């Protein structure tokens, strides 16, 4: 089953390519790690790696309340995610999907893979260091003579 979160992420990807993203960069830095962790915990319980059945909590009448509370807590920092959660709650209340489990409206394996991939790529981007070698005779033209004082010259390679 496809979740509404996946539809929003795909719409954001397409919108980003067209120059009109649905989510801001800050939204993605909140949404994708949250999806990755929540889905990982959910799938670990599905495969009985964890002894708690988190999926069953999605049938609870308190699950929508908990999700709404989470949306309220992040609404100031990430209003677009809060709107997404509101839409998911409305869809859940209207029973737009066949499932009666709230997790099916919010998470699915595809969005988990996308979120986990985004997180791995974000970590790789942070670890990747770019070094630029500038020939010593070109440095004055690039930096200016005043900025070169006190910078040790690099030996030729």
C-alpha atoms as a PDB file:
ATOM      1  CA  UNK A   1       0.000   0.000   0.000  1.00  0.00           C
ATOM      2  CA  UNK A   2       1.272   3.477  -0.855  1.00  0.00           C
ATOM      3  CA  UNK A   3       1.312   6.013   1.972  1.00  0.00           C
ATOM      4  CA  UNK A   4       0.352   9.646   1.680  1.00  0.00           C
ATOM      5  CA  UNK A   5       3.858  10.525   2.835  1.00  0.00           C
ATOM      6  CA  UNK A   6       5.271   8.758  -0.218  1.00  0.00           C
ATOM      7  CA  UNK A   7       2.956  10.746  -2.479  1.00  0.00           C
ATOM      8  CA  UNK A   8       4.144  13.970  -0.837  1.00  0.00           C
ATOM      9  CA  UNK A   9       7.819  12.981  -1.169  1.00  0.00           C
ATOM     10  CA  UNK A  10       7.377  12.084  -4.853  1.00  0.00           C
ATOM     11  CA  UNK A  11       5.489  15.368  -5.442  1.00  0.00           C
ATOM     12  CA  UNK A  12       8.339  17.210  -3.718  1.00  0.00           C
ATOM     13  CA  UNK A  13      10.922  15.441  -5.891  1.00  0.00           C
ATOM     14  CA  UNK A  14       9.052  16.341  -9.074  1.00  0.00           C
ATOM     15  CA  UNK A  15       8.420  19.878  -7.866  1.00  0.00           C
ATOM     16  CA  UNK A  16      12.083  20.288  -6.988  1.00  0.00           C
ATOM     17  CA  UNK A  17      13.078  19.239 -10.515  1.00  0.00           C
ATOM     18  CA  UNK A  18      10.603  21.784 -11.931  1.00  0.00           C
ATOM     19  CA  UNK A  19      11.831  24.542  -9.623  1.00  0.00           C
ATOM     20  CA  UNK A  20       8.844  24.490  -7.239  1.00  0.00           C
ATOM     21  CA  UNK A  21       9.582  22.076  -4.376  1.00  0.00           C
ATOM     22  CA  UNK A  22       6.829  21.121  -1.975  1.00  0.00           C
ATOM     23  CA  UNK A  23       9.193  20.929   0.999  1.00  0.00           C
ATOM     24  CA  UNK A  24      11.966  23.211   2.136  1.00  0.00           C
ATOM     25  CA  UNK A  25      15.434  21.878   2.830  1.00  0.00           C
ATOM     26  CA  UNK A  26      14.801  22.268   6.574  1.00  0.00           C
ATOM     27  CA  UNK A  27      11.619  20.193   6.209  1.00  0.00           C
ATOM     28  CA  UNK A  28      13.562  17.362   4.617  1.00  0.00           C
ATOM     29  CA  UNK A  29      16.152  17.396   7.415  1.00  0.00           C
ATOM     30  CA  UNK A  30      13.313  16.777   9.864  1.00  0.00           C
ATOM     31  CA  UNK A  31      11.060  14.534   7.798  1.00  0.00           C
ATOM     32  CA  UNK A  32      13.476  11.996   6.327  1.00  0.00           C
ATOM     33  CA  UNK A  33      15.375  11.043   9.502  1.00  0.00           C
ATOM     34  CA  UNK A  34      12.056  10.807  11.363  1.00  0.00           C
ATOM     35  CA  UNK A  35      10.604   8.531   8.685  1.00  0.00           C
ATOM     36  CA  UNK A  36      13.746   6.395   8.600  1.00  0.00           C
ATOM     37  CA  UNK A  37      13.821   5.856  12.373  1.00  0.00           C
ATOM     38  CA  UNK A  38      10.055   5.325  12.756  1.00  0.00           C
ATOM     39  CA  UNK A  39       9.876   2.900   9.843  1.00  0.00           C
ATOM     40  CA  UNK A  40      12.972   1.033  10.980  1.00  0.00           C
ATOM     41  CA  UNK A  41      11.448   0.532  14.427  1.00  0.00           C
ATOM     42  CA  UNK A  42       8.146  -0.501  12.881  1.00  0.00           C
ATOM     43  CA  UNK A  43       9.757  -3.035  10.545  1.00  0.00           C
ATOM     44  CA  UNK A  44      12.014  -4.410  13.296  1.00  0.00           C
ATOM     45  CA  UNK A  45       8.894  -5.223  15.310  1.00  0.00           C
ATOM     46  CA  UNK A  46       7.248  -6.737  12.233  1.00  0.00           C
ATOM     47  CA  UNK A  47      10.164  -9.163  11.899  1.00  0.00           C
ATOM     48  CA  UNK A  48      10.118  -9.814  15.673  1.00  0.00           C
ATOM     49  CA  UNK A  49      13.569  -8.345  16.233  1.00  0.00           C
ATOM     50  CA  UNK A  50      11.976  -6.135  18.903  1.00  0.00           C
ATOM     51  CA  UNK A  51       9.479  -7.740  21.258  1.00  0.00           C
ATOM     52  CA  UNK A  52       7.033  -4.806  21.188  1.00  0.00           C
ATOM     53  CA  UNK A  53       4.333  -4.717  18.500  1.00  0.00           C
ATOM     54  CA  UNK A  54       4.428  -1.093  17.346  1.00  0.00           C
ATOM     55  CA  UNK A  55       2.178  -1.760  14.350  1.00  0.00           C
ATOM     56  CA  UNK A  56      -0.672  -2.656  16.698  1.00  0.00           C
ATOM     57  CA  UNK A  57      -0.456   0.873  18.159  1.00  0.00           C
ATOM     58  CA  UNK A  58      -1.609   2.184  14.771  1.00  0.00           C
ATOM     59  CA  UNK A  59      -5.046   0.688  15.468  1.00  0.00           C
ATOM     60  CA  UNK A  60      -5.335   2.530  18.780  1.00  0.00           C
ATOM     61  CA  UNK A  61      -7.828   5.390  19.043  1.00  0.00           C
ATOM     62  CA  UNK A  62      -4.982   7.374  20.616  1.00  0.00           C
ATOM     63  CA  UNK A  63      -2.685   7.034  17.585  1.00  0.00           C
ATOM     64  CA  UNK A  64      -4.252   9.986  15.708  1.00  0.00           C
ATOM     65  CA  UNK A  65      -4.026  12.079  18.858  1.00  0.00           C
ATOM     66  CA  UNK A  66      -0.337  11.231  19.256  1.00  0.00           C
ATOM     67  CA  UNK A  67       0.353  12.080  15.608  1.00  0.00           C
ATOM     68  CA  UNK A  68      -1.586  15.349  15.921  1.00  0.00           C
ATOM     69  CA  UNK A  69       0.418  16.243  19.028  1.00  0.00           C
ATOM     70  CA  UNK A  70       3.658  15.557  17.132  1.00  0.00           C
ATOM     71  CA  UNK A  71       2.438  17.845  14.328  1.00  0.00           C
ATOM     72  CA  UNK A  72       1.669  20.611  16.820  1.00  0.00           C
ATOM     73  CA  UNK A  73       5.131  20.292  18.335  1.00  0.00           C
ATOM     74  CA  UNK A  74       6.874  20.692  14.962  1.00  0.00           C
ATOM     75  CA  UNK A  75       4.411  23.132  13.374  1.00  0.00           C
ATOM     76  CA  UNK A  76       6.406  26.237  14.240  1.00  0.00           C
ATOM     77  CA  UNK A  77       9.679  24.851  12.885  1.00  0.00           C
ATOM     78  CA  UNK A  78       8.265  22.877   9.935  1.00  0.00           C
ATOM     79  CA  UNK A  79       4.726  24.001   9.066  1.00  0.00           C
ATOM     80  CA  UNK A  80       4.678  22.086   5.777  1.00  0.00           C
ATOM     81  CA  UNK A  81       5.245  18.814   7.599  1.00  0.00           C
ATOM     82  CA  UNK A  82       2.497  19.732  10.045  1.00  0.00           C
ATOM     83  CA  UNK A  83       0.148  20.307   7.075  1.00  0.00           C
ATOM     84  CA  UNK A  84       1.154  16.930   5.645  1.00  0.00           C
ATOM     85  CA  UNK A  85       0.336  15.267   8.966  1.00  0.00           C
ATOM     86  CA  UNK A  86      -3.008  17.080   9.060  1.00  0.00           C
ATOM     87  CA  UNK A  87      -3.829  15.783   5.572  1.00  0.00           C
ATOM     88  CA  UNK A  88      -2.857  12.273   6.625  1.00  0.00           C
ATOM     89  CA  UNK A  89      -5.108  12.510   9.672  1.00  0.00           C
ATOM     90  CA  UNK A  90      -8.035  13.737   7.559  1.00  0.00           C
ATOM     91  CA  UNK A  91      -7.479  10.918   5.054  1.00  0.00           C
ATOM     92  CA  UNK A  92      -7.325   8.432   7.918  1.00  0.00           C
ATOM     93  CA  UNK A  93     -10.549   9.790   9.418  1.00  0.00           C
ATOM     94  CA  UNK A  94     -12.295   9.625   6.032  1.00  0.00           C
ATOM     95  CA  UNK A  95     -10.915   6.102   5.493  1.00  0.00           C
ATOM     96  CA  UNK A  96      -9.512   6.957   2.061  1.00  0.00           C
ATOM     97  CA  UNK A  97      -7.266   3.882   2.145  1.00  0.00           C
ATOM     98  CA  UNK A  98      -8.442   0.338   2.825  1.00  0.00           C
ATOM     99  CA  UNK A  99      -6.402   0.046   5.997  1.00  0.00           C
ATOM    100  CA  UNK A 100      -7.620   1.096   9.427  1.00  0.00           C
ATOM    101  CA  UNK A 101      -4.059   1.368  10.716  1.00  0.00           C
ATOM    102  CA  UNK A 102      -2.662   4.886  10.913  1.00  0.00           C
ATOM    103  CA  UNK A 103       0.852   3.683  10.092  1.00  0.00           C
ATOM    104  CA  UNK A 104      -0.335   2.651   6.624  1.00  0.00           C
ATOM    105  CA  UNK A 105      -1.306   6.270   5.901  1.00  0.00           C
ATOM    106  CA  UNK A 106       2.054   7.606   7.113  1.00  0.00           C
ATOM    107  CA  UNK A 107       4.695   4.956   6.290  1.00  0.00           C
ATOM    108  CA  UNK A 108       5.406   2.359   3.646  1.00  0.00           C
ATOM    109  CA  UNK A 109       8.497   0.435   2.529  1.00  0.00           C
ATOM    110  CA  UNK A 110       9.117   2.728  -0.446  1.00  0.00           C
ATOM    111  CA  UNK A 111       9.180   5.926   1.604  1.00  0.00           C
ATOM    112  CA  UNK A 112      11.386   4.139   4.147  1.00  0.00           C
ATOM    113  CA  UNK A 113      13.926   3.257   1.450  1.00  0.00           C
ATOM    114  CA  UNK A 114      13.841   6.818   0.102  1.00  0.00           C
ATOM    115  CA  UNK A 115      14.254   8.330   3.574  1.00  0.00           C
ATOM    116  CA  UNK A 116      17.033   5.937   4.537  1.00  0.00           C
ATOM    117  CA  UNK A 117      18.813   6.666   1.246  1.00  0.00           C
ATOM    118  CA  UNK A 118      18.495  10.406   1.865  1.00  0.00           C
ATOM    119  CA  UNK A 119      19.978   9.969   5.357  1.00  0.00           C
ATOM    120  CA  UNK A 120      22.911   7.910   4.053  1.00  0.00           C
ATOM    121  CA  UNK A 121      23.567  10.505   1.337  1.00  0.00           C
ATOM    122  CA  UNK A 122      23.390  13.332   3.900  1.00  0.00           C
ATOM    123  CA  UNK A 123      25.968  11.612   6.108  1.00  0.00           C
ATOM    124  CA  UNK A 124      28.200  10.987   3.079  1.00  0.00           C
ATOM    125  CA  UNK A 125      27.950  14.658   2.068  1.00  0.00           C
ATOM    126  CA  UNK A 126      29.012  15.748   5.545  1.00  0.00           C
ATOM    127  CA  UNK A 127      31.991  13.390   5.572  1.00  0.00           C
ATOM    128  CA  UNK A 128      33.182  14.316   2.079  1.00  0.00           C
ATOM    129  CA  UNK A 129      35.874  16.969   2.256  1.00  0.00           C
ATOM    130  CA  UNK A 130      36.862  18.851  -0.862  1.00  0.00           C
ATOM    131  CA  UNK A 131      40.406  20.130  -1.080  1.00  0.00           C
ATOM    132  CA  UNK A 132      41.516  22.506  -3.764  1.00  0.00           C
ATOM    133  CA  UNK A 133      45.155  22.823  -4.769  1.00  0.00           C
ATOM    134  CA  UNK A 134      46.177  26.190  -6.130  1.00  0.00           C
ATOM    135  CA  UNK A 135      49.611  26.642  -7.683  1.00  0.00           C
ATOM    136  CA  UNK A 136      51.753  28.959  -5.576  1.00  0.00           C
ATOM    137  CA  UNK A 137      52.230  31.486  -8.375  1.00  0.00           C
ATOM    138  CA  UNK A 138      48.430  31.715  -8.929  1.00  0.00           C
ATOM    139  CA  UNK A 139      47.611  32.328  -5.254  1.00  0.00           C
ATOM    140  CA  UNK A 140      48.373  36.084  -5.284  1.00  0.00           C
ATOM    141  CA  UNK A 141      46.019  36.570  -8.220  1.00  0.00           C
ATOM    142  CA  UNK A 142      43.235  34.652  -6.490  1.00  0.00           C
ATOM    143  CA  UNK A 143      43.640  35.725  -2.872  1.00  0.00           C
ATOM    144  CA  UNK A 144      45.499  38.997  -3.146  1.00  0.00           C
ATOM    145  CA  UNK A 145      48.880  39.781  -1.621  1.00  0.00           C
ATOM    146  CA  UNK A 146      47.491  40.998   1.726  1.00  0.00           C
ATOM    147  CA  UNK A 147      45.671  37.747   2.433  1.00  0.00           C
ATOM    148  CA  UNK A 148      48.738  35.599   1.777  1.00  0.00           C
ATOM    149  CA  UNK A 149      50.756  36.949   4.724  1.00  0.00           C
ATOM    150  CA  UNK A 150      51.106  34.278   7.382  1.00  0.00           C
ATOM    151  CA  UNK A 151      49.947  31.407   5.163  1.00  0.00           C
ATOM    152  CA  UNK A 152      52.697  28.828   4.767  1.00  0.00           C
ATOM    153  CA  UNK A 153      53.444  27.823   1.205  1.00  0.00           C
ATOM    154  CA  UNK A 154      52.856  24.224   0.188  1.00  0.00           C
ATOM    155  CA  UNK A 155      55.724  22.197  -1.215  1.00  0.00           C
ATOM    156  CA  UNK A 156      55.395  21.255  -4.912  1.00  0.00           C
ATOM    157  CA  UNK A 157      53.852  17.866  -5.556  1.00  0.00           C
END
